[in-house]
Every structure is written in C-alpha cells, then in structure tokens.
Protein backbone atom coordinates (compact mmCIF):
# COMPACT_ATOMS: atom_id res chain seq x y z
CA MET A 1 -4.16 13.56 -54.84
CA ASP A 2 -7.97 13.48 -54.68
CA ALA A 3 -9.94 14.28 -57.82
CA PRO A 4 -12.40 17.18 -57.55
CA LEU A 5 -16.02 16.18 -57.01
CA LEU A 6 -18.26 17.43 -59.80
CA ARG A 7 -21.87 18.40 -59.29
CA LEU A 8 -23.76 17.18 -62.33
CA ARG A 9 -27.11 18.29 -63.70
CA ARG A 10 -29.35 17.58 -66.62
CA ASN A 11 -29.75 20.22 -69.30
CA ARG A 12 -32.89 20.84 -71.25
CA LEU A 13 -32.85 19.90 -74.91
CA SER A 14 -34.68 23.03 -76.00
CA ARG A 15 -33.17 26.47 -76.20
CA ARG A 16 -34.57 29.87 -77.12
CA HIS A 17 -32.89 31.03 -80.28
CA PRO A 18 -32.33 34.79 -80.76
CA ALA A 19 -33.71 34.72 -84.30
CA ALA A 20 -36.96 33.10 -83.17
CA SER A 21 -40.17 34.91 -82.33
CA SER A 22 -40.34 36.41 -78.88
CA GLY A 23 -43.92 35.32 -78.15
CA PRO A 24 -44.44 33.34 -74.93
CA SER A 25 -45.23 30.05 -76.67
CA GLN A 26 -42.97 30.46 -79.70
CA GLY A 27 -39.22 30.63 -80.27
CA LYS A 28 -38.09 27.30 -78.86
CA PHE A 29 -36.53 24.48 -80.77
CA ILE A 30 -36.20 20.88 -79.61
CA PHE A 31 -33.90 18.09 -80.76
CA VAL A 32 -34.95 14.44 -80.64
CA GLY A 33 -32.86 11.33 -81.29
CA SER A 34 -34.48 8.61 -83.38
CA THR A 35 -33.19 5.05 -83.49
CA ALA A 36 -35.59 4.03 -86.28
CA LYS A 37 -33.81 2.21 -89.08
CA GLY A 38 -33.69 3.79 -92.52
CA GLU A 39 -34.12 7.40 -93.61
CA GLY A 40 -35.68 8.46 -90.30
CA GLU A 41 -32.68 7.47 -88.18
CA GLY A 42 -30.79 10.43 -86.73
CA ILE A 43 -31.20 13.71 -84.89
CA HIS A 44 -34.45 15.51 -85.66
CA GLY A 45 -35.31 19.11 -84.89
CA GLY A 46 -38.68 20.75 -84.53
CA LYS A 47 -40.45 23.80 -83.14
CA TRP A 48 -41.64 23.40 -79.54
CA ASN A 49 -44.79 25.13 -78.31
CA ALA A 50 -44.68 25.13 -74.50
CA ALA A 51 -48.24 26.43 -74.19
CA SER A 52 -49.78 23.49 -76.06
CA GLY A 53 -47.06 20.86 -75.53
CA THR A 54 -46.79 20.25 -79.25
CA ILE A 55 -43.90 19.81 -81.68
CA SER A 56 -44.26 20.98 -85.27
CA ASP A 57 -42.06 20.92 -88.37
CA LEU A 58 -40.08 17.91 -87.10
CA HIS A 59 -37.37 17.05 -89.63
CA LEU A 60 -34.02 15.28 -89.88
CA VAL A 61 -31.13 17.66 -89.13
CA PHE A 62 -28.25 15.16 -88.85
CA PRO A 63 -28.17 11.52 -89.95
CA ALA A 64 -26.71 9.35 -87.18
CA SER A 65 -27.01 5.75 -86.08
CA GLN A 66 -28.95 5.37 -82.81
CA PRO A 67 -28.57 8.89 -81.33
CA SER A 68 -30.34 7.97 -78.13
CA PHE A 69 -28.84 10.45 -75.64
CA MET A 70 -28.30 14.18 -76.10
CA VAL A 71 -27.70 17.19 -73.92
CA ALA A 72 -27.68 20.89 -74.83
CA CYS A 73 -26.13 23.93 -73.17
CA GLN A 74 -25.07 27.49 -73.75
CA SER A 75 -21.35 28.11 -73.29
CA HIS A 76 -19.40 31.28 -74.07
CA GLY A 77 -22.29 32.61 -76.16
CA ALA A 78 -22.64 29.46 -78.26
CA ASN A 79 -25.59 27.06 -78.15
CA LEU A 80 -24.19 23.52 -78.16
CA LEU A 81 -25.66 20.04 -78.57
CA PHE A 82 -23.80 16.89 -77.53
CA SER A 83 -24.99 13.55 -78.92
CA ALA A 84 -23.98 9.94 -78.28
CA HIS A 85 -24.70 7.52 -81.09
CA GLN A 86 -23.76 3.99 -82.11
CA PRO A 87 -22.48 3.53 -85.70
CA LYS A 88 -21.39 -0.09 -85.04
CA PRO A 89 -22.39 -2.63 -82.37
CA ASP A 90 -19.00 -2.34 -80.63
CA THR A 91 -18.33 1.38 -81.19
CA ALA A 92 -19.80 4.47 -79.57
CA VAL A 93 -19.47 7.96 -81.01
CA LEU A 94 -19.75 11.25 -79.13
CA SER A 95 -20.34 14.36 -81.27
CA THR A 96 -20.56 18.07 -80.54
CA PHE A 97 -22.65 20.43 -82.64
CA ARG A 98 -23.08 24.19 -82.65
CA ILE A 99 -26.75 25.16 -82.98
CA GLU A 100 -26.41 27.76 -85.74
CA ALA A 101 -30.05 28.65 -86.35
CA PRO A 102 -33.37 26.99 -85.60
CA GLY A 103 -32.94 23.49 -86.97
CA LYS A 104 -29.37 23.89 -88.20
CA LEU A 105 -26.53 21.91 -86.61
CA LYS A 106 -22.86 22.43 -87.44
CA LEU A 107 -20.60 19.52 -86.47
CA ILE A 108 -17.70 20.67 -84.27
CA ASN A 109 -15.99 17.34 -83.59
CA THR A 110 -16.60 13.62 -83.11
CA LEU A 111 -14.82 11.18 -80.83
CA THR A 112 -14.91 7.40 -81.34
CA LEU A 113 -14.94 5.16 -78.26
CA SER A 114 -14.29 1.50 -79.04
CA ASP A 115 -15.76 -1.49 -77.21
CA LEU A 116 -18.86 0.19 -75.78
CA GLU A 117 -21.36 -2.32 -77.18
CA GLU A 118 -24.49 -0.26 -77.97
CA SER A 119 -24.64 1.02 -74.47
CA LEU A 120 -24.24 4.75 -73.84
CA ILE A 121 -26.98 5.45 -71.32
CA GLN A 122 -26.33 8.93 -70.02
CA ILE A 123 -24.63 12.20 -70.89
CA VAL A 124 -24.36 15.00 -68.34
CA LEU A 125 -22.53 18.29 -68.08
CA ASP A 126 -21.11 19.73 -64.88
CA HIS A 127 -22.62 22.98 -63.57
CA THR A 128 -20.05 25.08 -65.48
CA ASN A 129 -20.63 23.33 -68.86
CA ARG A 130 -16.85 22.78 -69.03
CA TYR A 131 -16.87 19.00 -68.40
CA LEU A 132 -19.00 16.23 -69.90
CA VAL A 133 -19.46 12.75 -68.41
CA ILE A 134 -20.83 9.68 -70.21
CA ALA A 135 -21.73 6.26 -68.83
CA SER A 136 -22.03 2.90 -70.59
CA TYR A 137 -24.56 0.31 -69.41
CA ARG A 138 -23.19 -2.90 -70.88
CA SER A 139 -19.49 -2.26 -70.39
CA ASN A 140 -19.78 -0.43 -67.01
CA LYS A 141 -17.41 2.26 -68.26
CA VAL A 142 -17.56 5.94 -67.31
CA PHE A 143 -15.60 8.65 -69.14
CA SER A 144 -15.15 12.38 -68.61
CA PHE A 145 -14.15 14.97 -71.21
CA SER A 146 -13.17 18.61 -71.20
CA VAL A 147 -15.34 21.00 -73.24
CA ALA A 148 -13.23 23.81 -74.73
CA VAL A 149 -14.48 27.28 -75.60
CA GLY A 150 -16.45 26.78 -78.81
CA GLY A 151 -17.57 23.28 -77.81
CA HIS A 152 -14.64 21.14 -78.96
CA LEU A 153 -14.45 17.93 -76.87
CA SER A 154 -11.10 16.64 -75.62
CA ASN A 155 -10.11 13.01 -75.63
CA PRO A 156 -11.18 11.34 -72.35
CA ILE A 157 -9.53 12.96 -69.34
CA SER A 158 -10.65 10.21 -66.98
CA HIS A 159 -12.01 6.70 -67.39
CA PHE A 160 -12.99 3.99 -64.98
CA GLU A 161 -14.95 0.76 -64.94
CA LEU A 162 -17.60 -0.08 -62.36
CA SER A 163 -18.10 -3.57 -60.94
CA GLY A 164 -21.07 -5.46 -59.56
CA HIS A 165 -24.65 -5.70 -60.78
CA GLY A 166 -27.98 -3.95 -60.33
CA PRO A 167 -31.26 -5.12 -58.78
CA ASN A 168 -32.33 -7.22 -61.79
CA HIS A 169 -29.31 -9.48 -62.22
CA PRO A 170 -31.02 -12.18 -64.41
CA GLN A 171 -32.12 -9.55 -66.96
CA GLU A 172 -28.70 -7.87 -66.86
CA ALA A 173 -26.99 -11.21 -67.50
CA ARG A 174 -28.98 -11.62 -70.73
CA SER A 175 -28.24 -8.10 -72.03
CA SER A 176 -24.85 -7.28 -70.53
CA SER A 177 -21.23 -8.29 -70.74
CA ARG A 178 -20.51 -7.10 -67.21
CA ASN A 179 -21.13 -10.29 -65.20
C-alpha cells in the first residue's frame, strides 16, 4: 500500500493575537529560539512591528536547550507553536505549546527522540496542520507525527533513514555520523 504524499509548507512564526491592538503595524508577536548558553538560552517572545521591521520587548518565555527550529500554526481555533530543542548531545526533544496570550506559552506535550546528535534541522507542517515532519542532519533520520485537536503530538507515525551524502562531503564527514 502506498503512503499518501504530503504537500508541506513553512508557517510564519508570528501570529496576530485577538487581544492585541488592531492597528496595521501592531498586534503581532514573534518567537525566536536562542542557543546562547546561560540565562538567555531558550524561546524568546517579542512584539513585531511589520511597518518598521523591529522587535521590541523581547524576553524569555520558555527555557530550553538549543531551540533552533520552530513552526507556528492555527488549528481548531488554537494558536500553536512547535519547537525542537536539544537537552543532551544525543537527545532531541520536540515540544508543543499553546500560545495563550501575547508572550505566554503553555506546554502541551514533549516527546524525546534518542540518538539524534544535536541535529534537528527542519520542522514543517502539512497543509492541513494535522501532520508534522522533522528531519535530522547528522543522523539522516526523518520522522512524522500526528497533531491532535488541541495540539497534542503523537509518537512518531513514520520514520526512515536517508543514505548518501550532499555536495560538500569533506565538511559533512567532519560534522556528521552518516558516512
């Protein structure tokens, strides 16, 4: 039986929040992952001004180790944020948050994926926001997950490992376990 082909797209990290001002350059909030060590490491939130291209009031909203990839969506009336982060060198974590109010994140669930060696490089949602796909650079692994109503992530529903190498094989050999 053939698996269905999913059309994937990137989602914007900013969302208009109903409680925010309705002015044309106000009312958006943006989330940024910081891999800085220490108190600044984690997911930060700030007000986005599209007219000037500026972020203000940037502050830590969730402490996390190396939250380098995030994607946001609206699903069944809830604003959701998905984040991949790396609490240990050989462990990846995928978390779902509900965006409760500007700058407030409520953790829905977290999944731990062993043996992914600091390497989650992409998170995408399908066009329905019902399925999430992640890819790992160093381990060549790709996983898909189901997103339930309310944002709860399932355990992986599919998993496969790619083979081969990219156009810069000498650099990949130094930073990758996928030779």
